[in-house]
């Protein structure tokens, strides 16, 4: 059973010429918050 999710997008910056990631969403079901699940996902 999933209790949360994250969306991570890979990007390439043309100004810094380096790859980077964009953390777009981080969601944890309210019942499971404050249990370090978000930290584990990151």
PDB file of N, CA and C in Angstrom:
ATOM      1  N   UNK A   1       0.845  -1.180   0.000  1.00  0.00           N
ATOM      2  CA  UNK A   1       0.000   0.000   0.000  1.00  0.00           C
ATOM      3  C   UNK A   1       0.890   1.242   0.000  1.00  0.00           C
ATOM      4  N   UNK A   2       0.628   2.144  -0.899  1.00  0.00           N
ATOM      5  CA  UNK A   2       1.380   3.399  -0.968  1.00  0.00           C
ATOM      6  C   UNK A   2       0.785   4.405   0.019  1.00  0.00           C
ATOM      7  N   UNK A   3       1.663   5.073   0.764  1.00  0.00           N
ATOM      8  CA  UNK A   3       1.212   6.106   1.711  1.00  0.00           C
ATOM      9  C   UNK A   3       1.666   7.491   1.277  1.00  0.00           C
ATOM     10  N   UNK A   4       2.445   7.558   0.200  1.00  0.00           N
ATOM     11  CA  UNK A   4       2.907   8.849  -0.307  1.00  0.00           C
ATOM     12  C   UNK A   4       3.608   8.676  -1.640  1.00  0.00           C
ATOM     13  N   UNK A   5       3.937   9.814  -2.242  1.00  0.00           N
ATOM     14  CA  UNK A   5       4.655   9.768  -3.512  1.00  0.00           C
ATOM     15  C   UNK A   5       5.425  11.062  -3.713  1.00  0.00           C
ATOM     16  N   UNK A   6       6.353  11.012  -4.647  1.00  0.00           N
ATOM     17  CA  UNK A   6       7.093  12.196  -5.061  1.00  0.00           C
ATOM     18  C   UNK A   6       7.267  12.152  -6.572  1.00  0.00           C
ATOM     19  N   UNK A   7       7.353  13.310  -7.186  1.00  0.00           N
ATOM     20  CA  UNK A   7       7.645  13.412  -8.612  1.00  0.00           C
ATOM     21  C   UNK A   7       8.946  14.175  -8.752  1.00  0.00           C
ATOM     22  N   UNK A   8       9.902  13.523  -9.359  1.00  0.00           N
ATOM     23  CA  UNK A   8      11.229  14.092  -9.546  1.00  0.00           C
ATOM     24  C   UNK A   8      11.520  14.118 -11.037  1.00  0.00           C
ATOM     25  N   UNK A   9      11.879  15.288 -11.558  1.00  0.00           N
ATOM     26  CA  UNK A   9      12.146  15.450 -12.980  1.00  0.00           C
ATOM     27  C   UNK A   9      13.617  15.768 -13.205  1.00  0.00           C
ATOM     28  N   UNK A  10      14.202  15.101 -14.192  1.00  0.00           N
ATOM     29  CA  UNK A  10      15.580  15.358 -14.576  1.00  0.00           C
ATOM     30  C   UNK A  10      15.592  16.508 -15.578  1.00  0.00           C
ATOM     31  N   UNK A  11      16.441  17.486 -15.353  1.00  0.00           N
ATOM     32  CA  UNK A  11      16.590  18.637 -16.242  1.00  0.00           C
ATOM     33  C   UNK A  11      18.067  18.843 -16.547  1.00  0.00           C
ATOM     34  N   UNK A  12      18.322  19.604 -17.574  1.00  0.00           N
ATOM     35  CA  UNK A  12      19.688  20.023 -17.867  1.00  0.00           C
ATOM     36  C   UNK A  12      19.688  21.533 -18.009  1.00  0.00           C
ATOM     37  N   UNK A  13      20.470  22.205 -17.189  1.00  0.00           N
ATOM     38  CA  UNK A  13      20.534  23.660 -17.200  1.00  0.00           C
ATOM     39  C   UNK A  13      21.466  24.135 -18.306  1.00  0.00           C
ATOM     40  N   UNK A  14      20.934  24.958 -19.196  1.00  0.00           N
ATOM     41  CA  UNK A  14      21.771  25.486 -20.274  1.00  0.00           C
ATOM     42  C   UNK A  14      22.663  26.621 -19.794  1.00  0.00           C
ATOM     43  N   UNK A  15      22.319  27.266 -18.683  1.00  0.00           N
ATOM     44  CA  UNK A  15      23.165  28.354 -18.176  1.00  0.00           C
ATOM     45  C   UNK A  15      24.325  27.846 -17.339  1.00  0.00           C
ATOM     46  N   UNK A  16      24.088  26.847 -16.507  1.00  0.00           N
ATOM     47  CA  UNK A  16      25.185  26.307 -15.690  1.00  0.00           C
ATOM     48  C   UNK A  16      25.845  25.097 -16.329  1.00  0.00           C
ATOM     49  N   UNK A  17      25.233  24.580 -17.403  1.00  0.00           N
ATOM     50  CA  UNK A  17      25.767  23.417 -18.121  1.00  0.00           C
ATOM     51  C   UNK A  17      25.922  22.198 -17.210  1.00  0.00           C
ATOM     52  N   UNK A  18      24.949  22.009 -16.318  1.00  0.00           N
ATOM     53  CA  UNK A  18      24.965  20.870 -15.408  1.00  0.00           C
ATOM     54  C   UNK A  18      23.578  20.235 -15.358  1.00  0.00           C
ATOM     55  N   UNK A  19      23.550  18.928 -15.138  1.00  0.00           N
ATOM     56  CA  UNK A  19      22.255  18.287 -14.930  1.00  0.00           C
ATOM     57  C   UNK A  19      21.715  18.665 -13.550  1.00  0.00           C
ATOM     58  N   UNK A  20      20.408  18.653 -13.423  1.00  0.00           N
ATOM     59  CA  UNK A  20      19.783  18.942 -12.130  1.00  0.00           C
ATOM     60  C   UNK A  20      18.462  18.216 -12.057  1.00  0.00           C
ATOM     61  N   UNK A  21      17.903  18.171 -10.872  1.00  0.00           N
ATOM     62  CA  UNK A  21      16.614  17.540 -10.652  1.00  0.00           C
ATOM     63  C   UNK A  21      15.649  18.564 -10.069  1.00  0.00           C
ATOM     64  N   UNK A  22      14.406  18.440 -10.449  1.00  0.00           N
ATOM     65  CA  UNK A  22      13.352  19.300  -9.935  1.00  0.00           C
ATOM     66  C   UNK A  22      12.382  18.435  -9.149  1.00  0.00           C
ATOM     67  N   UNK A  23      12.250  18.713  -7.859  1.00  0.00           N
ATOM     68  CA  UNK A  23      11.275  18.024  -7.024  1.00  0.00           C
ATOM     69  C   UNK A  23       9.962  18.769  -7.181  1.00  0.00           C
ATOM     70  N   UNK A  24       9.036  18.183  -7.940  1.00  0.00           N
ATOM     71  CA  UNK A  24       7.795  18.857  -8.273  1.00  0.00           C
ATOM     72  C   UNK A  24       6.721  18.623  -7.209  1.00  0.00           C
ATOM     73  N   UNK A  25       6.552  17.401  -6.756  1.00  0.00           N
ATOM     74  CA  UNK A  25       5.526  17.070  -5.770  1.00  0.00           C
ATOM     75  C   UNK A  25       6.094  16.152  -4.709  1.00  0.00           C
ATOM     76  N   UNK A  26       5.646  16.344  -3.498  1.00  0.00           N
ATOM     77  CA  UNK A  26       5.931  15.429  -2.402  1.00  0.00           C
ATOM     78  C   UNK A  26       4.663  15.370  -1.575  1.00  0.00           C
ATOM     79  N   UNK A  27       4.029  14.210  -1.548  1.00  0.00           N
ATOM     80  CA  UNK A  27       2.763  14.064  -0.838  1.00  0.00           C
ATOM     81  C   UNK A  27       2.824  12.854   0.075  1.00  0.00           C
ATOM     82  N   UNK A  28       2.361  13.042   1.313  1.00  0.00           N
ATOM     83  CA  UNK A  28       2.223  11.962   2.284  1.00  0.00           C
ATOM     84  C   UNK A  28       0.795  12.020   2.812  1.00  0.00           C
ATOM     85  N   UNK A  29       0.128  10.878   2.849  1.00  0.00           N
ATOM     86  CA  UNK A  29      -1.221  10.818   3.412  1.00  0.00           C
ATOM     87  C   UNK A  29      -1.196  11.369   4.832  1.00  0.00           C
ATOM     88  N   UNK A  30      -2.201  12.157   5.183  1.00  0.00           N
ATOM     89  CA  UNK A  30      -2.216  12.856   6.478  1.00  0.00           C
ATOM     90  C   UNK A  30      -2.110  11.901   7.670  1.00  0.00           C
ATOM     91  N   UNK A  31      -2.580  10.686   7.541  1.00  0.00           N
ATOM     92  CA  UNK A  31      -2.494   9.708   8.632  1.00  0.00           C
ATOM     93  C   UNK A  31      -1.041   9.326   8.913  1.00  0.00           C
ATOM     94  N   UNK A  32      -0.186   9.375   7.886  1.00  0.00           N
ATOM     95  CA  UNK A  32       1.191   8.910   8.007  1.00  0.00           C
ATOM     96  C   UNK A  32       2.215  10.035   8.116  1.00  0.00           C
ATOM     97  N   UNK A  33       1.775  11.261   8.243  1.00  0.00           N
ATOM     98  CA  UNK A  33       2.719  12.378   8.361  1.00  0.00           C
ATOM     99  C   UNK A  33       3.405  12.358   9.723  1.00  0.00           C
ATOM    100  N   UNK A  34       4.557  13.036   9.805  1.00  0.00           N
ATOM    101  CA  UNK A  34       5.390  13.107  11.018  1.00  0.00           C
ATOM    102  C   UNK A  34       5.980  11.756  11.397  1.00  0.00           C
ATOM    103  N   UNK A  35       6.219  10.918  10.404  1.00  0.00           N
ATOM    104  CA  UNK A  35       6.841   9.613  10.629  1.00  0.00           C
ATOM    105  C   UNK A  35       8.111   9.455   9.783  1.00  0.00           C
ATOM    106  N   UNK A  36       8.656  10.558   9.280  1.00  0.00           N
ATOM    107  CA  UNK A  36       9.884  10.603   8.478  1.00  0.00           C
ATOM    108  C   UNK A  36       9.761   9.911   7.128  1.00  0.00           C
ATOM    109  N   UNK A  37       8.555   9.699   6.645  1.00  0.00           N
ATOM    110  CA  UNK A  37       8.360   9.078   5.340  1.00  0.00           C
ATOM    111  C   UNK A  37       8.783  10.041   4.237  1.00  0.00           C
ATOM    112  N   UNK A  38       8.487  11.321   4.378  1.00  0.00           N
ATOM    113  CA  UNK A  38       8.919  12.318   3.398  1.00  0.00           C
ATOM    114  C   UNK A  38      10.423  12.379   3.297  1.00  0.00           C
ATOM    115  N   UNK A  39      11.096  12.324   4.420  1.00  0.00           N
ATOM    116  CA  UNK A  39      12.560  12.304   4.428  1.00  0.00           C
ATOM    117  C   UNK A  39      13.093  11.078   3.702  1.00  0.00           C
ATOM    118  N   UNK A  40      12.466   9.960   3.919  1.00  0.00           N
ATOM    119  CA  UNK A  40      12.896   8.726   3.243  1.00  0.00           C
ATOM    120  C   UNK A  40      12.692   8.839   1.734  1.00  0.00           C
ATOM    121  N   UNK A  41      11.610   9.458   1.300  1.00  0.00           N
ATOM    122  CA  UNK A  41      11.366   9.611  -0.132  1.00  0.00           C
ATOM    123  C   UNK A  41      12.375  10.550  -0.777  1.00  0.00           C
ATOM    124  N   UNK A  42      12.757  11.590  -0.066  1.00  0.00           N
ATOM    125  CA  UNK A  42      13.736  12.521  -0.609  1.00  0.00           C
ATOM    126  C   UNK A  42      15.097  11.870  -0.627  1.00  0.00           C
TER     127      UNK A  42
END
